[in-house]
Amino acid sequence: MVLFERFGQHQPLNRQAERYAKEGVEISLSTLADQVGACALALQPIHDLIRAHAIGAERLHADDTTVPLMAKGGTRTARLWTYLRDDRPFAGGSPPAALYHFSPDRRMEHPTRHLAGWTGILQADACGGYSDLYRHDHKPASELSALCWSHARRKFFELADIKSTARNGKTGTAEISPIALEAVKRFDALFDVEREITGLTSEARHDARQRLMRPMVQELHDWLRSERARMSKHNPVAKAITYMFEDDGRWDAFTRFLEDRRICLMNNAAERALRGIALGRKAWLFAGSPRGGDRAAFMYSLIVAAKMNNIDP
């Protein structure tokens, strides 16, 4: 109960101690903290099985979010990473699972260590932290990058968001980029098709993507290239377009889903797995130590994996 309240409902241990005291049960904060450590040790075999299952996937979603870490004189920005297996979009049959790791910063050495010995397709954003995994000499083999179309769309959406423009005190349509608006419409058309084929067999997904999505992607590619050629490189829309074509391999990583039916168009599964943490940190404010961050990652792995499989944590 203490573990689930802390990591599943984001209630800090000090608040739990206060609540138990009001019910006549005096439990010190240090005792609760010791229980968290002891239970983590007892649950290690289950965590090991979840990790083995998650890393056994040929395709993983990956993402990270910030976590304040207690430091001398205040807090510093640490990270919680998630690596998520979800074969349901292509009717893969294997149960989903999420694996979390804590790190005191965002250096690329962390995902390299987290995924040591693994090889496959990594679905993520274009964060430089994953770059080491894609090197041709990475051992045991370089990972294949599959980039997220939601991240690419977001950059255009921010330039075409009428409500946001109004909130910022701007009126009229002059501030709304018509090119960004058109880009969002084209992205949404792709997302509509993807939603229709999610959960179908690999063969059905591949067939629909070849018939419906490949022509749309090619048209989008040519249109974006044409529009960027007419803009200054400092234009915000040009920067949004450049995100998709920044180097020779960037567009290949965005369009890899057309060839591999297992790949999702979006990395939203990983973002959903971090949503509870993003909300919960407003309640618990910070991790007290790196060990506390590691324990949090450990427990999130168990609780989120249970929820993904409709099991009461």
C-alpha atoms as a PDB file:
ATOM      1  CA  MET A   1       0.000   0.000   0.000  1.00  0.00           C
ATOM      2  CA  VAL A   2       2.816   2.394   0.904  1.00  0.00           C
ATOM      3  CA  LEU A   3       4.628   1.659  -2.356  1.00  0.00           C
ATOM      4  CA  PHE A   4       1.564   2.135  -4.535  1.00  0.00           C
ATOM      5  CA  GLU A   5       0.565   5.340  -2.759  1.00  0.00           C
ATOM      6  CA  ARG A   6       4.073   6.713  -3.247  1.00  0.00           C
ATOM      7  CA  PHE A   7       4.756   5.694  -6.833  1.00  0.00           C
ATOM      8  CA  GLY A   8       1.319   4.918  -8.231  1.00  0.00           C
ATOM      9  CA  GLN A   9      -0.631   7.797  -6.640  1.00  0.00           C
ATOM     10  CA  HIS A  10       2.355  10.146  -6.171  1.00  0.00           C
ATOM     11  CA  GLN A  11       1.829  10.716  -2.445  1.00  0.00           C
ATOM     12  CA  PRO A  12       5.187  11.553  -0.770  1.00  0.00           C
ATOM     13  CA  LEU A  13       6.177   9.456   2.230  1.00  0.00           C
ATOM     14  CA  ASN A  14       6.003  12.427   4.600  1.00  0.00           C
ATOM     15  CA  ARG A  15       2.339  13.001   3.684  1.00  0.00           C
ATOM     16  CA  GLN A  16       1.606   9.324   4.192  1.00  0.00           C
ATOM     17  CA  ALA A  17       3.287   9.423   7.603  1.00  0.00           C
ATOM     18  CA  GLU A  18       1.160  12.426   8.593  1.00  0.00           C
ATOM     19  CA  ARG A  19      -2.011  10.681   7.496  1.00  0.00           C
ATOM     20  CA  TYR A  20      -1.205   7.472   9.369  1.00  0.00           C
ATOM     21  CA  ALA A  21      -0.384   9.512  12.493  1.00  0.00           C
ATOM     22  CA  LYS A  22      -3.847  11.093  12.379  1.00  0.00           C
ATOM     23  CA  GLU A  23      -5.274   7.562  12.385  1.00  0.00           C
ATOM     24  CA  GLY A  24      -3.231   6.751  15.478  1.00  0.00           C
ATOM     25  CA  VAL A  25      -0.486   4.842  13.671  1.00  0.00           C
ATOM     26  CA  GLU A  26       2.890   6.442  14.330  1.00  0.00           C
ATOM     27  CA  ILE A  27       5.366   5.426  11.595  1.00  0.00           C
ATOM     28  CA  SER A  28       8.533   7.469  11.188  1.00  0.00           C
ATOM     29  CA  LEU A  29       9.576   8.750   7.778  1.00  0.00           C
ATOM     30  CA  SER A  30      12.834   6.781   7.993  1.00  0.00           C
ATOM     31  CA  THR A  31      10.913   3.563   8.635  1.00  0.00           C
ATOM     32  CA  LEU A  32       8.765   4.123   5.551  1.00  0.00           C
ATOM     33  CA  ALA A  33      11.871   4.857   3.488  1.00  0.00           C
ATOM     34  CA  ASP A  34      13.507   1.664   4.767  1.00  0.00           C
ATOM     35  CA  GLN A  35      10.401  -0.288   3.796  1.00  0.00           C
ATOM     36  CA  VAL A  36      10.626   1.050   0.250  1.00  0.00           C
ATOM     37  CA  GLY A  37      14.208  -0.202  -0.008  1.00  0.00           C
ATOM     38  CA  ALA A  38      13.410  -3.582   1.538  1.00  0.00           C
ATOM     39  CA  CYS A  39      10.409  -4.119  -0.736  1.00  0.00           C
ATOM     40  CA  ALA A  40      12.451  -3.147  -3.799  1.00  0.00           C
ATOM     41  CA  LEU A  41      14.945  -5.846  -2.861  1.00  0.00           C
ATOM     42  CA  ALA A  42      12.170  -8.402  -2.373  1.00  0.00           C
ATOM     43  CA  LEU A  43      10.576  -7.497  -5.726  1.00  0.00           C
ATOM     44  CA  GLN A  44      13.859  -7.661  -7.674  1.00  0.00           C
ATOM     45  CA  PRO A  45      13.069 -11.052  -9.295  1.00  0.00           C
ATOM     46  CA  ILE A  46       9.829  -9.677 -10.771  1.00  0.00           C
ATOM     47  CA  HIS A  47      11.653  -6.582 -12.030  1.00  0.00           C
ATOM     48  CA  ASP A  48      14.297  -8.811 -13.638  1.00  0.00           C
ATOM     49  CA  LEU A  49      11.583 -10.704 -15.534  1.00  0.00           C
ATOM     50  CA  ILE A  50       9.954  -7.479 -16.732  1.00  0.00           C
ATOM     51  CA  ARG A  51      13.326  -6.158 -17.871  1.00  0.00           C
ATOM     52  CA  ALA A  52      14.142  -9.364 -19.757  1.00  0.00           C
ATOM     53  CA  HIS A  53      10.740  -9.289 -21.458  1.00  0.00           C
ATOM     54  CA  ALA A  54      10.995  -5.599 -22.417  1.00  0.00           C
ATOM     55  CA  ILE A  55      14.540  -5.879 -23.742  1.00  0.00           C
ATOM     56  CA  GLY A  56      13.545  -9.028 -25.604  1.00  0.00           C
ATOM     57  CA  ALA A  57      11.563  -6.893 -28.040  1.00  0.00           C
ATOM     58  CA  GLU A  58      12.801  -6.209 -31.556  1.00  0.00           C
ATOM     59  CA  ARG A  59      11.329  -2.696 -31.354  1.00  0.00           C
ATOM     60  CA  LEU A  60      11.304  -0.324 -28.378  1.00  0.00           C
ATOM     61  CA  HIS A  61       9.743   3.065 -27.733  1.00  0.00           C
ATOM     62  CA  ALA A  62      12.041   5.411 -25.810  1.00  0.00           C
ATOM     63  CA  ASP A  63      11.632   8.802 -24.166  1.00  0.00           C
ATOM     64  CA  ASP A  64      12.733  10.720 -21.090  1.00  0.00           C
ATOM     65  CA  THR A  65      11.448  13.435 -18.772  1.00  0.00           C
ATOM     66  CA  THR A  66      12.984  15.788 -16.253  1.00  0.00           C
ATOM     67  CA  VAL A  67      13.054  15.064 -12.523  1.00  0.00           C
ATOM     68  CA  PRO A  68      14.312  17.562  -9.918  1.00  0.00           C
ATOM     69  CA  LEU A  69      17.092  15.995  -7.834  1.00  0.00           C
ATOM     70  CA  MET A  70      18.029  17.320  -4.402  1.00  0.00           C
ATOM     71  CA  ALA A  71      21.492  18.870  -4.511  1.00  0.00           C
ATOM     72  CA  LYS A  72      23.609  21.180  -2.401  1.00  0.00           C
ATOM     73  CA  GLY A  73      21.992  24.614  -2.359  1.00  0.00           C
ATOM     74  CA  GLY A  74      18.831  23.539  -4.199  1.00  0.00           C
ATOM     75  CA  THR A  75      17.947  21.041  -6.923  1.00  0.00           C
ATOM     76  CA  ARG A  76      19.470  19.951 -10.224  1.00  0.00           C
ATOM     77  CA  THR A  77      17.728  18.551 -13.292  1.00  0.00           C
ATOM     78  CA  ALA A  78      17.934  14.770 -13.494  1.00  0.00           C
ATOM     79  CA  ARG A  79      16.156  12.391 -15.876  1.00  0.00           C
ATOM     80  CA  LEU A  80      13.825   9.423 -15.877  1.00  0.00           C
ATOM     81  CA  TRP A  81      14.048   7.325 -19.050  1.00  0.00           C
ATOM     82  CA  THR A  82      11.506   4.812 -20.267  1.00  0.00           C
ATOM     83  CA  TYR A  83      11.950   1.947 -22.735  1.00  0.00           C
ATOM     84  CA  LEU A  84       8.632   0.464 -23.654  1.00  0.00           C
ATOM     85  CA  ARG A  85       7.637  -2.694 -25.467  1.00  0.00           C
ATOM     86  CA  ASP A  86       4.245  -2.667 -27.134  1.00  0.00           C
ATOM     87  CA  ASP A  87       3.567  -5.131 -29.948  1.00  0.00           C
ATOM     88  CA  ARG A  88      -0.197  -4.582 -29.929  1.00  0.00           C
ATOM     89  CA  PRO A  89      -0.312  -2.076 -32.828  1.00  0.00           C
ATOM     90  CA  PHE A  90       0.792  -4.811 -35.271  1.00  0.00           C
ATOM     91  CA  ALA A  91      -1.057  -7.651 -33.455  1.00  0.00           C
ATOM     92  CA  GLY A  92       2.243  -9.040 -32.200  1.00  0.00           C
ATOM     93  CA  GLY A  93       0.663 -10.941 -29.317  1.00  0.00           C
ATOM     94  CA  SER A  94       3.340 -10.319 -26.658  1.00  0.00           C
ATOM     95  CA  PRO A  95       2.278  -8.499 -23.474  1.00  0.00           C
ATOM     96  CA  PRO A  96       3.365  -4.852 -23.216  1.00  0.00           C
ATOM     97  CA  ALA A  97       5.914  -3.748 -20.626  1.00  0.00           C
ATOM     98  CA  ALA A  98       7.706  -0.573 -19.560  1.00  0.00           C
ATOM     99  CA  LEU A  99      11.214  -0.297 -18.146  1.00  0.00           C
ATOM    100  CA  TYR A 100      12.409   2.861 -16.363  1.00  0.00           C
ATOM    101  CA  HIS A 101      15.876   4.136 -15.502  1.00  0.00           C
ATOM    102  CA  PHE A 102      17.078   7.142 -13.517  1.00  0.00           C
ATOM    103  CA  SER A 103      20.130   9.252 -14.359  1.00  0.00           C
ATOM    104  CA  PRO A 104      21.512  12.468 -12.842  1.00  0.00           C
ATOM    105  CA  ASP A 105      21.801  14.122 -16.290  1.00  0.00           C
ATOM    106  CA  ARG A 106      20.977  13.549 -19.973  1.00  0.00           C
ATOM    107  CA  ARG A 107      24.364  12.441 -21.325  1.00  0.00           C
ATOM    108  CA  MET A 108      24.264   9.818 -24.086  1.00  0.00           C
ATOM    109  CA  GLU A 109      26.198   7.350 -21.956  1.00  0.00           C
ATOM    110  CA  HIS A 110      23.001   6.598 -20.035  1.00  0.00           C
ATOM    111  CA  PRO A 111      20.790   5.161 -22.839  1.00  0.00           C
ATOM    112  CA  THR A 112      23.903   3.403 -24.154  1.00  0.00           C
ATOM    113  CA  ARG A 113      24.261   1.698 -20.771  1.00  0.00           C
ATOM    114  CA  HIS A 114      20.532   1.056 -20.373  1.00  0.00           C
ATOM    115  CA  LEU A 115      20.379  -0.777 -23.718  1.00  0.00           C
ATOM    116  CA  ALA A 116      23.759  -2.518 -23.538  1.00  0.00           C
ATOM    117  CA  GLY A 117      23.557  -5.789 -25.436  1.00  0.00           C
ATOM    118  CA  TRP A 118      20.266  -4.919 -27.144  1.00  0.00           C
ATOM    119  CA  THR A 119      19.823  -4.411 -30.860  1.00  0.00           C
ATOM    120  CA  GLY A 120      16.695  -3.538 -32.795  1.00  0.00           C
ATOM    121  CA  ILE A 121      14.521  -0.603 -33.832  1.00  0.00           C
ATOM    122  CA  LEU A 122      14.427   2.338 -31.438  1.00  0.00           C
ATOM    123  CA  GLN A 123      11.415   4.634 -31.746  1.00  0.00           C
ATOM    124  CA  ALA A 124      12.235   8.015 -30.205  1.00  0.00           C
ATOM    125  CA  ASP A 125      12.584  11.700 -30.903  1.00  0.00           C
ATOM    126  CA  ALA A 126      15.741  13.172 -32.432  1.00  0.00           C
ATOM    127  CA  CYS A 127      17.421  13.626 -29.026  1.00  0.00           C
ATOM    128  CA  GLY A 128      21.199  13.501 -29.320  1.00  0.00           C
ATOM    129  CA  GLY A 129      21.313  11.234 -26.274  1.00  0.00           C
ATOM    130  CA  TYR A 130      20.570   8.230 -28.492  1.00  0.00           C
ATOM    131  CA  SER A 131      23.219   9.034 -31.116  1.00  0.00           C
ATOM    132  CA  ASP A 132      25.771   6.556 -29.801  1.00  0.00           C
ATOM    133  CA  LEU A 133      23.306   3.708 -30.333  1.00  0.00           C
ATOM    134  CA  TYR A 134      23.072   4.461 -34.063  1.00  0.00           C
ATOM    135  CA  ARG A 135      26.832   4.439 -34.765  1.00  0.00           C
ATOM    136  CA  HIS A 136      27.831   1.846 -37.360  1.00  0.00           C
ATOM    137  CA  ASP A 137      30.433   0.401 -34.972  1.00  0.00           C
ATOM    138  CA  HIS A 138      28.058   0.104 -32.003  1.00  0.00           C
ATOM    139  CA  LYS A 139      28.169  -3.336 -30.373  1.00  0.00           C
ATOM    140  CA  PRO A 140      26.566  -5.831 -30.772  1.00  0.00           C
ATOM    141  CA  ALA A 141      25.061  -3.948 -33.746  1.00  0.00           C
ATOM    142  CA  SER A 142      23.870  -0.445 -34.484  1.00  0.00           C
ATOM    143  CA  GLU A 143      20.230   0.313 -33.697  1.00  0.00           C
ATOM    144  CA  LEU A 144      17.822   1.409 -36.395  1.00  0.00           C
ATOM    145  CA  SER A 145      16.263   4.801 -35.728  1.00  0.00           C
ATOM    146  CA  ALA A 146      12.523   5.319 -36.254  1.00  0.00           C
ATOM    147  CA  LEU A 147      11.567   8.929 -35.611  1.00  0.00           C
ATOM    148  CA  CYS A 148       8.253  10.222 -34.307  1.00  0.00           C
ATOM    149  CA  TRP A 149       5.880  12.086 -36.603  1.00  0.00           C
ATOM    150  CA  SER A 150       4.079  13.625 -33.616  1.00  0.00           C
ATOM    151  CA  HIS A 151       7.279  15.452 -32.667  1.00  0.00           C
ATOM    152  CA  ALA A 152       7.638  16.750 -36.212  1.00  0.00           C
ATOM    153  CA  ARG A 153       3.977  17.806 -36.368  1.00  0.00           C
ATOM    154  CA  ARG A 154       4.231  19.644 -33.030  1.00  0.00           C
ATOM    155  CA  LYS A 155       6.678  22.152 -34.475  1.00  0.00           C
ATOM    156  CA  PHE A 156       4.227  23.074 -37.236  1.00  0.00           C
ATOM    157  CA  PHE A 157       1.219  23.013 -34.905  1.00  0.00           C
ATOM    158  CA  GLU A 158       2.794  25.620 -32.625  1.00  0.00           C
ATOM    159  CA  LEU A 159       3.082  27.956 -35.637  1.00  0.00           C
ATOM    160  CA  ALA A 160      -0.524  27.295 -36.662  1.00  0.00           C
ATOM    161  CA  ASP A 161      -2.158  27.300 -33.211  1.00  0.00           C
ATOM    162  CA  ILE A 162      -4.794  30.035 -33.382  1.00  0.00           C
ATOM    163  CA  LYS A 163      -5.821  29.662 -29.738  1.00  0.00           C
ATOM    164  CA  SER A 164      -2.244  29.979 -28.521  1.00  0.00           C
ATOM    165  CA  THR A 165      -1.744  33.044 -30.678  1.00  0.00           C
ATOM    166  CA  ALA A 166      -4.841  34.630 -29.156  1.00  0.00           C
ATOM    167  CA  ARG A 167      -3.668  33.814 -25.609  1.00  0.00           C
ATOM    168  CA  ASN A 168      -0.422  35.607 -26.363  1.00  0.00           C
ATOM    169  CA  GLY A 169      -2.372  38.773 -27.170  1.00  0.00           C
ATOM    170  CA  LYS A 170      -2.120  38.557 -30.956  1.00  0.00           C
ATOM    171  CA  THR A 171      -5.232  38.950 -33.057  1.00  0.00           C
ATOM    172  CA  GLY A 172      -6.208  38.252 -36.620  1.00  0.00           C
ATOM    173  CA  THR A 173      -4.710  35.651 -38.923  1.00  0.00           C
ATOM    174  CA  ALA A 174      -1.483  37.473 -39.767  1.00  0.00           C
ATOM    175  CA  GLU A 175       0.438  35.562 -37.126  1.00  0.00           C
ATOM    176  CA  ILE A 176      -0.812  32.176 -38.295  1.00  0.00           C
ATOM    177  CA  SER A 177       1.459  30.556 -40.865  1.00  0.00           C
ATOM    178  CA  PRO A 178      -0.612  29.184 -43.771  1.00  0.00           C
ATOM    179  CA  ILE A 179       2.232  26.813 -44.668  1.00  0.00           C
ATOM    180  CA  ALA A 180       2.353  25.452 -41.133  1.00  0.00           C
ATOM    181  CA  LEU A 181      -1.435  25.065 -41.174  1.00  0.00           C
ATOM    182  CA  GLU A 182      -1.289  23.140 -44.451  1.00  0.00           C
ATOM    183  CA  ALA A 183       1.501  20.947 -43.054  1.00  0.00           C
ATOM    184  CA  VAL A 184      -0.632  20.097 -40.009  1.00  0.00           C
ATOM    185  CA  LYS A 185      -3.517  19.070 -42.291  1.00  0.00           C
ATOM    186  CA  ARG A 186      -1.226  16.767 -44.251  1.00  0.00           C
ATOM    187  CA  PHE A 187       0.173  15.243 -41.068  1.00  0.00           C
ATOM    188  CA  ASP A 188      -3.332  14.683 -39.733  1.00  0.00           C
ATOM    189  CA  ALA A 189      -4.336  12.848 -42.902  1.00  0.00           C
ATOM    190  CA  LEU A 190      -1.490  10.389 -42.271  1.00  0.00           C
ATOM    191  CA  PHE A 191      -2.506  10.009 -38.627  1.00  0.00           C
ATOM    192  CA  ASP A 192      -6.084   9.230 -39.678  1.00  0.00           C
ATOM    193  CA  VAL A 193      -4.907   6.304 -41.774  1.00  0.00           C
ATOM    194  CA  GLU A 194      -2.573   5.090 -39.011  1.00  0.00           C
ATOM    195  CA  ARG A 195      -5.420   5.041 -36.490  1.00  0.00           C
ATOM    196  CA  GLU A 196      -7.497   2.893 -38.834  1.00  0.00           C
ATOM    197  CA  ILE A 197      -4.796   0.230 -39.227  1.00  0.00           C
ATOM    198  CA  THR A 198      -3.563   0.084 -35.616  1.00  0.00           C
ATOM    199  CA  GLY A 199      -4.107  -3.419 -34.266  1.00  0.00           C
ATOM    200  CA  LEU A 200      -4.349  -5.070 -37.683  1.00  0.00           C
ATOM    201  CA  THR A 201      -1.994  -7.841 -38.736  1.00  0.00           C
ATOM    202  CA  SER A 202       1.452  -6.926 -40.017  1.00  0.00           C
ATOM    203  CA  GLU A 203       0.440  -7.848 -43.552  1.00  0.00           C
ATOM    204  CA  ALA A 204      -2.678  -5.659 -43.498  1.00  0.00           C
ATOM    205  CA  ARG A 205      -0.724  -2.724 -42.072  1.00  0.00           C
ATOM    206  CA  HIS A 206       1.964  -3.012 -44.728  1.00  0.00           C
ATOM    207  CA  ASP A 207      -0.578  -3.219 -47.542  1.00  0.00           C
ATOM    208  CA  ALA A 208      -2.488  -0.138 -46.324  1.00  0.00           C
ATOM    209  CA  ARG A 209       0.686   1.851 -45.900  1.00  0.00           C
ATOM    210  CA  GLN A 210       1.844   1.073 -49.429  1.00  0.00           C
ATOM    211  CA  ARG A 211      -1.515   1.876 -51.014  1.00  0.00           C
ATOM    212  CA  LEU A 212      -2.557   4.879 -48.933  1.00  0.00           C
ATOM    213  CA  MET A 213       0.345   6.362 -47.007  1.00  0.00           C
ATOM    214  CA  ARG A 214       3.326   6.069 -49.331  1.00  0.00           C
ATOM    215  CA  PRO A 215       1.879   8.459 -51.959  1.00  0.00           C
ATOM    216  CA  MET A 216       0.901  10.917 -49.198  1.00  0.00           C
ATOM    217  CA  VAL A 217       4.394  10.801 -47.692  1.00  0.00           C
ATOM    218  CA  GLN A 218       6.045  11.372 -51.074  1.00  0.00           C
ATOM    219  CA  GLU A 219       3.789  14.346 -51.795  1.00  0.00           C
ATOM    220  CA  LEU A 220       4.531  15.782 -48.355  1.00  0.00           C
ATOM    221  CA  HIS A 221       8.275  15.333 -48.932  1.00  0.00           C
ATOM    222  CA  ASP A 222       8.214  17.160 -52.274  1.00  0.00           C
ATOM    223  CA  TRP A 223       5.979  19.939 -50.953  1.00  0.00           C
ATOM    224  CA  LEU A 224       8.098  20.565 -47.853  1.00  0.00           C
ATOM    225  CA  ARG A 225      11.281  20.680 -49.928  1.00  0.00           C
ATOM    226  CA  SER A 226       9.698  23.115 -52.363  1.00  0.00           C
ATOM    227  CA  GLU A 227       8.411  25.426 -49.628  1.00  0.00           C
ATOM    228  CA  ARG A 228      11.701  25.444 -47.738  1.00  0.00           C
ATOM    229  CA  ALA A 229      13.615  26.413 -50.888  1.00  0.00           C
ATOM    230  CA  ARG A 230      11.654  29.682 -50.954  1.00  0.00           C
ATOM    231  CA  MET A 231      12.303  30.638 -47.312  1.00  0.00           C
ATOM    232  CA  SER A 232      15.101  32.106 -45.300  1.00  0.00           C
ATOM    233  CA  LYS A 233      16.776  29.486 -43.128  1.00  0.00           C
ATOM    234  CA  HIS A 234      15.867  31.657 -40.124  1.00  0.00           C
ATOM    235  CA  ASN A 235      12.132  31.414 -40.860  1.00  0.00           C
ATOM    236  CA  PRO A 236      10.432  29.423 -38.039  1.00  0.00           C
ATOM    237  CA  VAL A 237       8.584  27.293 -40.598  1.00  0.00           C
ATOM    238  CA  ALA A 238      11.853  26.564 -42.408  1.00  0.00           C
ATOM    239  CA  LYS A 239      13.331  25.414 -39.104  1.00  0.00           C
ATOM    240  CA  ALA A 240      10.346  23.093 -38.566  1.00  0.00           C
ATOM    241  CA  ILE A 241      10.897  21.628 -42.035  1.00  0.00           C
ATOM    242  CA  THR A 242      14.654  21.306 -41.503  1.00  0.00           C
ATOM    243  CA  TYR A 243      13.988  19.181 -38.417  1.00  0.00           C
ATOM    244  CA  MET A 244      12.807  16.448 -40.780  1.00  0.00           C
ATOM    245  CA  PHE A 245      15.712  16.824 -43.236  1.00  0.00           C
ATOM    246  CA  GLU A 246      18.566  17.840 -40.949  1.00  0.00           C
ATOM    247  CA  ASP A 247      20.955  15.182 -42.242  1.00  0.00           C
ATOM    248  CA  ASP A 248      20.960  12.426 -44.842  1.00  0.00           C
ATOM    249  CA  GLY A 249      19.523   9.839 -42.464  1.00  0.00           C
ATOM    250  CA  ARG A 250      16.816  11.938 -40.822  1.00  0.00           C
ATOM    251  CA  TRP A 251      14.154  11.492 -43.527  1.00  0.00           C
ATOM    252  CA  ASP A 252      15.011   7.779 -43.790  1.00  0.00           C
ATOM    253  CA  ALA A 253      14.338   7.436 -40.051  1.00  0.00           C
ATOM    254  CA  PHE A 254      10.998   9.218 -40.436  1.00  0.00           C
ATOM    255  CA  THR A 255       9.887   6.999 -43.348  1.00  0.00           C
ATOM    256  CA  ARG A 256      11.201   3.658 -42.073  1.00  0.00           C
ATOM    257  CA  PHE A 257       7.646   2.800 -40.988  1.00  0.00           C
ATOM    258  CA  LEU A 258       6.702   2.390 -44.654  1.00  0.00           C
ATOM    259  CA  GLU A 259       9.035  -0.596 -44.995  1.00  0.00           C
ATOM    260  CA  ASP A 260       8.741  -2.149 -41.533  1.00  0.00           C
ATOM    261  CA  ARG A 261       5.163  -2.903 -40.509  1.00  0.00           C
ATOM    262  CA  ARG A 262       6.129  -3.203 -36.830  1.00  0.00           C
ATOM    263  CA  ILE A 263       7.059   0.476 -36.579  1.00  0.00           C
ATOM    264  CA  CYS A 264       4.476   2.954 -35.343  1.00  0.00           C
ATOM    265  CA  LEU A 265       4.019   6.359 -36.912  1.00  0.00           C
ATOM    266  CA  MET A 266       4.253   8.008 -33.494  1.00  0.00           C
ATOM    267  CA  ASN A 267       6.137   7.562 -30.242  1.00  0.00           C
ATOM    268  CA  ASN A 268       3.059   8.408 -28.165  1.00  0.00           C
ATOM    269  CA  ALA A 269       3.248   5.118 -26.241  1.00  0.00           C
ATOM    270  CA  ALA A 270       6.446   6.270 -24.523  1.00  0.00           C
ATOM    271  CA  GLU A 271       5.023   9.724 -23.864  1.00  0.00           C
ATOM    272  CA  ARG A 272       1.970   8.178 -22.217  1.00  0.00           C
ATOM    273  CA  ALA A 273       4.247   6.074 -20.022  1.00  0.00           C
ATOM    274  CA  LEU A 274       5.856   9.272 -18.695  1.00  0.00           C
ATOM    275  CA  ARG A 275       2.656  11.279 -18.277  1.00  0.00           C
ATOM    276  CA  GLY A 276       2.006  10.091 -14.721  1.00  0.00           C
ATOM    277  CA  ILE A 277       5.527  11.065 -13.688  1.00  0.00           C
ATOM    278  CA  ALA A 278       5.150  14.513 -15.220  1.00  0.00           C
ATOM    279  CA  LEU A 279       1.967  15.004 -13.186  1.00  0.00           C
ATOM    280  CA  GLY A 280       3.258  13.320 -10.034  1.00  0.00           C
ATOM    281  CA  ARG A 281       6.435  15.398  -9.661  1.00  0.00           C
ATOM    282  CA  LYS A 282       4.238  18.379  -8.849  1.00  0.00           C
ATOM    283  CA  ALA A 283       3.238  16.483  -5.697  1.00  0.00           C
ATOM    284  CA  TRP A 284       6.557  15.005  -4.570  1.00  0.00           C
ATOM    285  CA  LEU A 285       8.641  17.978  -5.862  1.00  0.00           C
ATOM    286  CA  PHE A 286      12.033  16.233  -6.101  1.00  0.00           C
ATOM    287  CA  ALA A 287      14.016  13.015  -5.717  1.00  0.00           C
ATOM    288  CA  GLY A 288      15.948  13.114  -2.465  1.00  0.00           C
ATOM    289  CA  SER A 289      19.019  11.276  -3.805  1.00  0.00           C
ATOM    290  CA  PRO A 290      20.241   9.239  -6.800  1.00  0.00           C
ATOM    291  CA  ARG A 291      19.345   6.092  -4.838  1.00  0.00           C
ATOM    292  CA  GLY A 292      15.833   7.452  -4.396  1.00  0.00           C
ATOM    293  CA  GLY A 293      15.659   8.100  -8.141  1.00  0.00           C
ATOM    294  CA  ASP A 294      16.745   4.523  -8.867  1.00  0.00           C
ATOM    295  CA  ARG A 295      14.077   3.158  -6.513  1.00  0.00           C
ATOM    296  CA  ALA A 296      11.449   5.323  -8.185  1.00  0.00           C
ATOM    297  CA  ALA A 297      12.439   4.002 -11.621  1.00  0.00           C
ATOM    298  CA  PHE A 298      12.324   0.451 -10.242  1.00  0.00           C
ATOM    299  CA  MET A 299       8.818   0.837  -8.870  1.00  0.00           C
ATOM    300  CA  TYR A 300       7.486   2.689 -11.921  1.00  0.00           C
ATOM    301  CA  SER A 301       8.584  -0.290 -14.029  1.00  0.00           C
ATOM    302  CA  LEU A 302       6.452  -2.663 -11.952  1.00  0.00           C
ATOM    303  CA  ILE A 303       3.414  -0.403 -11.557  1.00  0.00           C
ATOM    304  CA  VAL A 304       3.193   0.812 -15.173  1.00  0.00           C
ATOM    305  CA  ALA A 305       3.774  -2.693 -16.567  1.00  0.00           C
ATOM    306  CA  ALA A 306       0.910  -3.935 -14.377  1.00  0.00           C
ATOM    307  CA  LYS A 307      -1.396  -1.145 -15.543  1.00  0.00           C
ATOM    308  CA  MET A 308      -0.536  -1.781 -19.202  1.00  0.00           C
ATOM    309  CA  ASN A 309      -1.709  -5.378 -18.727  1.00  0.00           C
ATOM    310  CA  ASN A 310      -4.878  -4.434 -16.816  1.00  0.00           C
ATOM    311  CA  ILE A 311      -3.500  -5.869 -13.584  1.00  0.00           C
ATOM    312  CA  ASP A 312      -4.106  -4.184 -10.234  1.00  0.00           C
ATOM    313  CA  PRO A 313      -0.611  -3.060  -9.162  1.00  0.00           C
END
